[in-house]
Amino acid sequence: FEANRARGAVRFEVHAREGATRRGALHESG
């Protein structure tokens, strides 16, 4: 049961550039 547990993580940031919002660094796992 423990070995089959799901793990997941998302970390990201967005920034305003030239009047629009753009995605910056993105990290995904699991």
PDB file of all heavy atoms in Angstrom:
ATOM      1  N   PHE A   1       0.842  -1.209   0.000  1.00  0.00           N
ATOM      2  CA  PHE A   1       0.000   0.000   0.000  1.00  0.00           C
ATOM      3  C   PHE A   1       0.870   1.249   0.000  1.00  0.00           C
ATOM      4  O   PHE A   1       0.650   2.177  -0.781  1.00  0.00           O
ATOM      5  CB  PHE A   1      -0.908  -0.031   1.231  1.00  0.00           C
ATOM      6  CG  PHE A   1      -1.800   1.180   1.365  1.00  0.00           C
ATOM      7  CD1 PHE A   1      -2.994   1.260   0.662  1.00  0.00           C
ATOM      8  CD2 PHE A   1      -1.451   2.233   2.196  1.00  0.00           C
ATOM      9  CE1 PHE A   1      -3.822   2.374   0.784  1.00  0.00           C
ATOM     10  CE2 PHE A   1      -2.264   3.347   2.318  1.00  0.00           C
ATOM     11  CZ  PHE A   1      -3.445   3.416   1.616  1.00  0.00           C
ATOM     12  N   GLU A   2       1.875   1.283   0.876  1.00  0.00           N
ATOM     13  CA  GLU A   2       2.743   2.447   0.979  1.00  0.00           C
ATOM     14  C   GLU A   2       3.516   2.676  -0.320  1.00  0.00           C
ATOM     15  O   GLU A   2       3.697   3.808  -0.768  1.00  0.00           O
ATOM     16  CB  GLU A   2       3.720   2.260   2.149  1.00  0.00           C
ATOM     17  CG  GLU A   2       4.741   3.379   2.298  1.00  0.00           C
ATOM     18  CD  GLU A   2       4.100   4.727   2.582  1.00  0.00           C
ATOM     19  OE1 GLU A   2       2.998   4.754   3.144  1.00  0.00           O
ATOM     20  OE2 GLU A   2       4.717   5.748   2.239  1.00  0.00           O
ATOM     21  N   ALA A   3       3.976   1.600  -0.949  1.00  0.00           N
ATOM     22  CA  ALA A   3       4.766   1.724  -2.172  1.00  0.00           C
ATOM     23  C   ALA A   3       3.941   2.249  -3.338  1.00  0.00           C
ATOM     24  O   ALA A   3       4.495   2.792  -4.299  1.00  0.00           O
ATOM     25  CB  ALA A   3       5.376   0.371  -2.533  1.00  0.00           C
ATOM     26  N   ASN A   4       2.629   2.104  -3.255  1.00  0.00           N
ATOM     27  CA  ASN A   4       1.764   2.521  -4.354  1.00  0.00           C
ATOM     28  C   ASN A   4       1.097   3.875  -4.113  1.00  0.00           C
ATOM     29  O   ASN A   4       0.188   4.253  -4.853  1.00  0.00           O
ATOM     30  CB  ASN A   4       0.687   1.457  -4.606  1.00  0.00           C
ATOM     31  CG  ASN A   4       1.224   0.270  -5.375  1.00  0.00           C
ATOM     32  OD1 ASN A   4       1.340   0.316  -6.594  1.00  0.00           O
ATOM     33  ND2 ASN A   4       1.572  -0.784  -4.647  1.00  0.00           N
ATOM     34  N   ARG A   5       1.549   4.603  -3.108  1.00  0.00           N
ATOM     35  CA  ARG A   5       0.969   5.917  -2.861  1.00  0.00           C
ATOM     36  C   ARG A   5       1.436   6.908  -3.913  1.00  0.00           C
ATOM     37  O   ARG A   5       2.578   6.883  -4.374  1.00  0.00           O
ATOM     38  CB  ARG A   5       1.348   6.435  -1.478  1.00  0.00           C
ATOM     39  CG  ARG A   5       0.781   5.650  -0.319  1.00  0.00           C
ATOM     40  CD  ARG A   5      -0.729   5.520  -0.397  1.00  0.00           C
ATOM     41  NE  ARG A   5      -1.118   4.379  -1.227  1.00  0.00           N
ATOM     42  CZ  ARG A   5      -2.151   4.366  -2.058  1.00  0.00           C
ATOM     43  NH1 ARG A   5      -2.900   5.419  -2.208  1.00  0.00           N
ATOM     44  NH2 ARG A   5      -2.425   3.303  -2.755  1.00  0.00           N
ATOM     45  N   ALA A   6       0.524   7.773  -4.309  1.00  0.00           N
ATOM     46  CA  ALA A   6       0.844   8.785  -5.322  1.00  0.00           C
ATOM     47  C   ALA A   6       1.516   9.987  -4.667  1.00  0.00           C
ATOM     48  O   ALA A   6       1.157  10.402  -3.563  1.00  0.00           O
ATOM     49  CB  ALA A   6      -0.427   9.226  -6.048  1.00  0.00           C
ATOM     50  N   ARG A   7       2.487  10.535  -5.357  1.00  0.00           N
ATOM     51  CA  ARG A   7       3.161  11.760  -4.942  1.00  0.00           C
ATOM     52  C   ARG A   7       3.145  12.716  -6.128  1.00  0.00           C
ATOM     53  O   ARG A   7       3.356  12.306  -7.273  1.00  0.00           O
ATOM     54  CB  ARG A   7       4.614  11.480  -4.534  1.00  0.00           C
ATOM     55  CG  ARG A   7       4.762  10.492  -3.391  1.00  0.00           C
ATOM     56  CD  ARG A   7       4.370  11.118  -2.059  1.00  0.00           C
ATOM     57  NE  ARG A   7       4.640  10.218  -0.942  1.00  0.00           N
ATOM     58  CZ  ARG A   7       3.774   9.340  -0.461  1.00  0.00           C
ATOM     59  NH1 ARG A   7       2.572   9.243  -1.016  1.00  0.00           N
ATOM     60  NH2 ARG A   7       4.069   8.572   0.567  1.00  0.00           N
ATOM     61  N   GLY A   8       2.906  13.966  -5.851  1.00  0.00           N
ATOM     62  CA  GLY A   8       2.914  14.938  -6.943  1.00  0.00           C
ATOM     63  C   GLY A   8       3.215  16.325  -6.420  1.00  0.00           C
ATOM     64  O   GLY A   8       2.839  16.674  -5.307  1.00  0.00           O
ATOM     65  N   ALA A   9       3.914  17.111  -7.229  1.00  0.00           N
ATOM     66  CA  ALA A   9       4.226  18.479  -6.828  1.00  0.00           C
ATOM     67  C   ALA A   9       4.313  19.362  -8.064  1.00  0.00           C
ATOM     68  O   ALA A   9       4.808  18.934  -9.116  1.00  0.00           O
ATOM     69  CB  ALA A   9       5.547  18.533  -6.051  1.00  0.00           C
ATOM     70  N   VAL A  10       3.803  20.571  -7.930  1.00  0.00           N
ATOM     71  CA  VAL A  10       3.919  21.588  -8.977  1.00  0.00           C
ATOM     72  C   VAL A  10       4.353  22.888  -8.315  1.00  0.00           C
ATOM     73  O   VAL A  10       3.774  23.302  -7.308  1.00  0.00           O
ATOM     74  CB  VAL A  10       2.584  21.802  -9.719  1.00  0.00           C
ATOM     75  CG1 VAL A  10       2.637  23.076 -10.573  1.00  0.00           C
ATOM     76  CG2 VAL A  10       2.246  20.612 -10.603  1.00  0.00           C
ATOM     77  N   ARG A  11       5.360  23.495  -8.884  1.00  0.00           N
ATOM     78  CA  ARG A  11       5.822  24.794  -8.401  1.00  0.00           C
ATOM     79  C   ARG A  11       6.117  25.673  -9.606  1.00  0.00           C
ATOM     80  O   ARG A  11       6.860  25.270 -10.502  1.00  0.00           O
ATOM     81  CB  ARG A  11       7.077  24.646  -7.554  1.00  0.00           C
ATOM     82  CG  ARG A  11       7.577  25.978  -6.950  1.00  0.00           C
ATOM     83  CD  ARG A  11       8.776  25.784  -6.049  1.00  0.00           C
ATOM     84  NE  ARG A  11       9.961  25.350  -6.760  1.00  0.00           N
ATOM     85  CZ  ARG A  11      10.486  24.137  -6.724  1.00  0.00           C
ATOM     86  NH1 ARG A  11       9.902  23.191  -6.001  1.00  0.00           N
ATOM     87  NH2 ARG A  11      11.571  23.829  -7.401  1.00  0.00           N
ATOM     88  N   PHE A  12       5.489  26.857  -9.670  1.00  0.00           N
ATOM     89  CA  PHE A  12       5.766  27.748 -10.792  1.00  0.00           C
ATOM     90  C   PHE A  12       5.484  29.188 -10.415  1.00  0.00           C
ATOM     91  O   PHE A  12       4.894  29.481  -9.375  1.00  0.00           O
ATOM     92  CB  PHE A  12       4.956  27.344 -12.035  1.00  0.00           C
ATOM     93  CG  PHE A  12       3.480  27.610 -11.945  1.00  0.00           C
ATOM     94  CD1 PHE A  12       2.926  28.793 -12.412  1.00  0.00           C
ATOM     95  CD2 PHE A  12       2.626  26.649 -11.414  1.00  0.00           C
ATOM     96  CE1 PHE A  12       1.558  29.025 -12.336  1.00  0.00           C
ATOM     97  CE2 PHE A  12       1.261  26.865 -11.338  1.00  0.00           C
ATOM     98  CZ  PHE A  12       0.725  28.068 -11.796  1.00  0.00           C
ATOM     99  N   GLU A  13       5.927  30.087 -11.272  1.00  0.00           N
ATOM    100  CA  GLU A  13       5.702  31.509 -11.067  1.00  0.00           C
ATOM    101  C   GLU A  13       5.311  32.156 -12.376  1.00  0.00           C
ATOM    102  O   GLU A  13       5.622  31.642 -13.462  1.00  0.00           O
ATOM    103  CB  GLU A  13       6.960  32.179 -10.503  1.00  0.00           C
ATOM    104  CG  GLU A  13       8.188  31.952 -11.355  1.00  0.00           C
ATOM    105  CD  GLU A  13       9.457  32.431 -10.669  1.00  0.00           C
ATOM    106  OE1 GLU A  13       9.504  32.434  -9.436  1.00  0.00           O
ATOM    107  OE2 GLU A  13      10.405  32.798 -11.400  1.00  0.00           O
ATOM    108  N   VAL A  14       4.587  33.247 -12.280  1.00  0.00           N
ATOM    109  CA  VAL A  14       4.213  34.015 -13.467  1.00  0.00           C
ATOM    110  C   VAL A  14       4.622  35.470 -13.249  1.00  0.00           C
ATOM    111  O   VAL A  14       4.720  35.946 -12.109  1.00  0.00           O
ATOM    112  CB  VAL A  14       2.700  33.922 -13.773  1.00  0.00           C
ATOM    113  CG1 VAL A  14       2.291  32.482 -14.055  1.00  0.00           C
ATOM    114  CG2 VAL A  14       1.864  34.504 -12.629  1.00  0.00           C
ATOM    115  N   HIS A  15       4.862  36.167 -14.374  1.00  0.00           N
ATOM    116  CA  HIS A  15       5.304  37.552 -14.327  1.00  0.00           C
ATOM    117  C   HIS A  15       4.553  38.370 -15.362  1.00  0.00           C
ATOM    118  O   HIS A  15       4.111  37.840 -16.383  1.00  0.00           O
ATOM    119  CB  HIS A  15       6.805  37.649 -14.605  1.00  0.00           C
ATOM    120  CG  HIS A  15       7.653  36.821 -13.700  1.00  0.00           C
ATOM    121  ND1 HIS A  15       7.960  37.195 -12.415  1.00  0.00           N
ATOM    122  CD2 HIS A  15       8.251  35.615 -13.897  1.00  0.00           C
ATOM    123  CE1 HIS A  15       8.713  36.269 -11.855  1.00  0.00           C
ATOM    124  NE2 HIS A  15       8.901  35.296 -12.732  1.00  0.00           N
ATOM    125  N   ALA A  16       4.427  39.649 -15.100  1.00  0.00           N
ATOM    126  CA  ALA A  16       3.840  40.572 -16.071  1.00  0.00           C
ATOM    127  C   ALA A  16       4.957  41.142 -16.938  1.00  0.00           C
ATOM    128  O   ALA A  16       5.945  41.665 -16.424  1.00  0.00           O
ATOM    129  CB  ALA A  16       3.102  41.697 -15.359  1.00  0.00           C
ATOM    130  N   ARG A  17       4.772  40.997 -18.267  1.00  0.00           N
ATOM    131  CA  ARG A  17       5.754  41.533 -19.209  1.00  0.00           C
ATOM    132  C   ARG A  17       5.030  42.196 -20.363  1.00  0.00           C
ATOM    133  O   ARG A  17       4.184  41.571 -21.004  1.00  0.00           O
ATOM    134  CB  ARG A  17       6.639  40.415 -19.773  1.00  0.00           C
ATOM    135  CG  ARG A  17       7.593  39.789 -18.793  1.00  0.00           C
ATOM    136  CD  ARG A  17       8.453  38.759 -19.484  1.00  0.00           C
ATOM    137  NE  ARG A  17       9.094  37.882 -18.529  1.00  0.00           N
ATOM    138  CZ  ARG A  17       9.477  36.642 -18.794  1.00  0.00           C
ATOM    139  NH1 ARG A  17       9.254  36.141 -19.998  1.00  0.00           N
ATOM    140  NH2 ARG A  17      10.063  35.911 -17.876  1.00  0.00           N
ATOM    141  N   GLU A  18       5.374  43.432 -20.597  1.00  0.00           N
ATOM    142  CA  GLU A  18       4.812  44.186 -21.719  1.00  0.00           C
ATOM    143  C   GLU A  18       3.286  44.107 -21.738  1.00  0.00           C
ATOM    144  O   GLU A  18       2.665  43.881 -22.766  1.00  0.00           O
ATOM    145  CB  GLU A  18       5.403  43.679 -23.034  1.00  0.00           C
ATOM    146  CG  GLU A  18       6.906  43.846 -23.104  1.00  0.00           C
ATOM    147  CD  GLU A  18       7.492  43.275 -24.393  1.00  0.00           C
ATOM    148  OE1 GLU A  18       6.741  42.605 -25.150  1.00  0.00           O
ATOM    149  OE2 GLU A  18       8.683  43.497 -24.638  1.00  0.00           O
ATOM    150  N   GLY A  19       2.686  44.228 -20.579  1.00  0.00           N
ATOM    151  CA  GLY A  19       1.236  44.259 -20.481  1.00  0.00           C
ATOM    152  C   GLY A  19       0.549  42.913 -20.497  1.00  0.00           C
ATOM    153  O   GLY A  19      -0.681  42.841 -20.508  1.00  0.00           O
ATOM    154  N   ALA A  20       1.303  41.812 -20.483  1.00  0.00           N
ATOM    155  CA  ALA A  20       0.711  40.468 -20.497  1.00  0.00           C
ATOM    156  C   ALA A  20       1.371  39.617 -19.428  1.00  0.00           C
ATOM    157  O   ALA A  20       2.505  39.874 -19.015  1.00  0.00           O
ATOM    158  CB  ALA A  20       0.878  39.827 -21.865  1.00  0.00           C
ATOM    159  N   THR A  21       0.654  38.596 -18.970  1.00  0.00           N
ATOM    160  CA  THR A  21       1.196  37.679 -17.969  1.00  0.00           C
ATOM    161  C   THR A  21       1.828  36.483 -18.662  1.00  0.00           C
ATOM    162  O   THR A  21       1.208  35.846 -19.516  1.00  0.00           O
ATOM    163  CB  THR A  21       0.090  37.197 -17.010  1.00  0.00           C
ATOM    164  OG1 THR A  21      -0.469  38.332 -16.341  1.00  0.00           O
ATOM    165  CG2 THR A  21       0.644  36.236 -15.974  1.00  0.00           C
ATOM    166  N   ARG A  22       3.059  36.191 -18.284  1.00  0.00           N
ATOM    167  CA  ARG A  22       3.808  35.098 -18.893  1.00  0.00           C
ATOM    168  C   ARG A  22       4.315  34.149 -17.810  1.00  0.00           C
ATOM    169  O   ARG A  22       4.662  34.571 -16.718  1.00  0.00           O
ATOM    170  CB  ARG A  22       4.992  35.627 -19.701  1.00  0.00           C
ATOM    171  CG  ARG A  22       4.571  36.500 -20.875  1.00  0.00           C
ATOM    172  CD  ARG A  22       3.955  35.662 -21.974  1.00  0.00           C
ATOM    173  NE  ARG A  22       3.563  36.471 -23.130  1.00  0.00           N
ATOM    174  CZ  ARG A  22       2.335  36.869 -23.381  1.00  0.00           C
ATOM    175  NH1 ARG A  22       1.359  36.536 -22.537  1.00  0.00           N
ATOM    176  NH2 ARG A  22       2.057  37.583 -24.454  1.00  0.00           N
ATOM    177  N   ARG A  23       4.379  32.892 -18.159  1.00  0.00           N
ATOM    178  CA  ARG A  23       4.869  31.888 -17.216  1.00  0.00           C
ATOM    179  C   ARG A  23       6.381  31.974 -17.075  1.00  0.00           C
ATOM    180  O   ARG A  23       7.106  32.158 -18.051  1.00  0.00           O
ATOM    181  CB  ARG A  23       4.487  30.497 -17.713  1.00  0.00           C
ATOM    182  CG  ARG A  23       4.627  29.406 -16.662  1.00  0.00           C
ATOM    183  CD  ARG A  23       4.584  28.038 -17.308  1.00  0.00           C
ATOM    184  NE  ARG A  23       5.870  27.731 -17.938  1.00  0.00           N
ATOM    185  CZ  ARG A  23       6.049  26.742 -18.796  1.00  0.00           C
ATOM    186  NH1 ARG A  23       5.016  26.017 -19.178  1.00  0.00           N
ATOM    187  NH2 ARG A  23       7.231  26.496 -19.298  1.00  0.00           N
ATOM    188  N   GLY A  24       6.859  31.812 -15.854  1.00  0.00           N
ATOM    189  CA  GLY A  24       8.287  31.752 -15.596  1.00  0.00           C
ATOM    190  C   GLY A  24       8.722  30.316 -15.369  1.00  0.00           C
ATOM    191  O   GLY A  24       8.258  29.393 -16.033  1.00  0.00           O
ATOM    192  N   ALA A  25       9.573  30.106 -14.379  1.00  0.00           N
ATOM    193  CA  ALA A  25      10.096  28.773 -14.089  1.00  0.00           C
ATOM    194  C   ALA A  25       8.971  27.845 -13.641  1.00  0.00           C
ATOM    195  O   ALA A  25       8.071  28.242 -12.894  1.00  0.00           O
ATOM    196  CB  ALA A  25      11.165  28.861 -13.015  1.00  0.00           C
ATOM    197  N   LEU A  26       9.035  26.588 -14.106  1.00  0.00           N
ATOM    198  CA  LEU A  26       8.023  25.585 -13.785  1.00  0.00           C
ATOM    199  C   LEU A  26       8.703  24.290 -13.387  1.00  0.00           C
ATOM    200  O   LEU A  26       9.605  23.806 -14.073  1.00  0.00           O
ATOM    201  CB  LEU A  26       7.109  25.337 -14.993  1.00  0.00           C
ATOM    202  CG  LEU A  26       6.175  24.121 -14.921  1.00  0.00           C
ATOM    203  CD1 LEU A  26       5.145  24.287 -13.813  1.00  0.00           C
ATOM    204  CD2 LEU A  26       5.481  23.898 -16.264  1.00  0.00           C
ATOM    205  N   HIS A  27       8.261  23.729 -12.265  1.00  0.00           N
ATOM    206  CA  HIS A  27       8.756  22.427 -11.820  1.00  0.00           C
ATOM    207  C   HIS A  27       7.570  21.505 -11.582  1.00  0.00           C
ATOM    208  O   HIS A  27       6.620  21.874 -10.876  1.00  0.00           O
ATOM    209  CB  HIS A  27       9.564  22.556 -10.526  1.00  0.00           C
ATOM    210  CG  HIS A  27       9.883  21.230  -9.893  1.00  0.00           C
ATOM    211  ND1 HIS A  27      10.906  20.424 -10.339  1.00  0.00           N
ATOM    212  CD2 HIS A  27       9.284  20.564  -8.866  1.00  0.00           C
ATOM    213  CE1 HIS A  27      10.943  19.316  -9.612  1.00  0.00           C
ATOM    214  NE2 HIS A  27       9.971  19.379  -8.711  1.00  0.00           N
ATOM    215  N   GLU A  28       7.601  20.311 -12.164  1.00  0.00           N
ATOM    216  CA  GLU A  28       6.565  19.303 -11.970  1.00  0.00           C
ATOM    217  C   GLU A  28       7.221  17.990 -11.562  1.00  0.00           C
ATOM    218  O   GLU A  28       8.299  17.648 -12.062  1.00  0.00           O
ATOM    219  CB  GLU A  28       5.766  19.066 -13.253  1.00  0.00           C
ATOM    220  CG  GLU A  28       5.033  20.284 -13.792  1.00  0.00           C
ATOM    221  CD  GLU A  28       4.375  20.006 -15.131  1.00  0.00           C
ATOM    222  OE1 GLU A  28       4.990  19.266 -15.945  1.00  0.00           O
ATOM    223  OE2 GLU A  28       3.281  20.520 -15.360  1.00  0.00           O
ATOM    224  N   SER A  29       6.573  17.253 -10.683  1.00  0.00           N
ATOM    225  CA  SER A  29       7.075  15.927 -10.333  1.00  0.00           C
ATOM    226  C   SER A  29       5.912  15.016  -9.987  1.00  0.00           C
ATOM    227  O   SER A  29       4.826  15.480  -9.611  1.00  0.00           O
ATOM    228  CB  SER A  29       8.059  16.002  -9.159  1.00  0.00           C
ATOM    229  OG  SER A  29       7.408  16.434  -7.981  1.00  0.00           O
ATOM    230  N   GLY A  30       6.140  13.722 -10.119  1.00  0.00           N
ATOM    231  CA  GLY A  30       5.106  12.752  -9.791  1.00  0.00           C
ATOM    232  C   GLY A  30       3.904  12.850 -10.701  1.00  0.00           C
ATOM    233  O   GLY A  30       4.033  13.118 -11.898  1.00  0.00           O
TER     234      GLY A  30
END
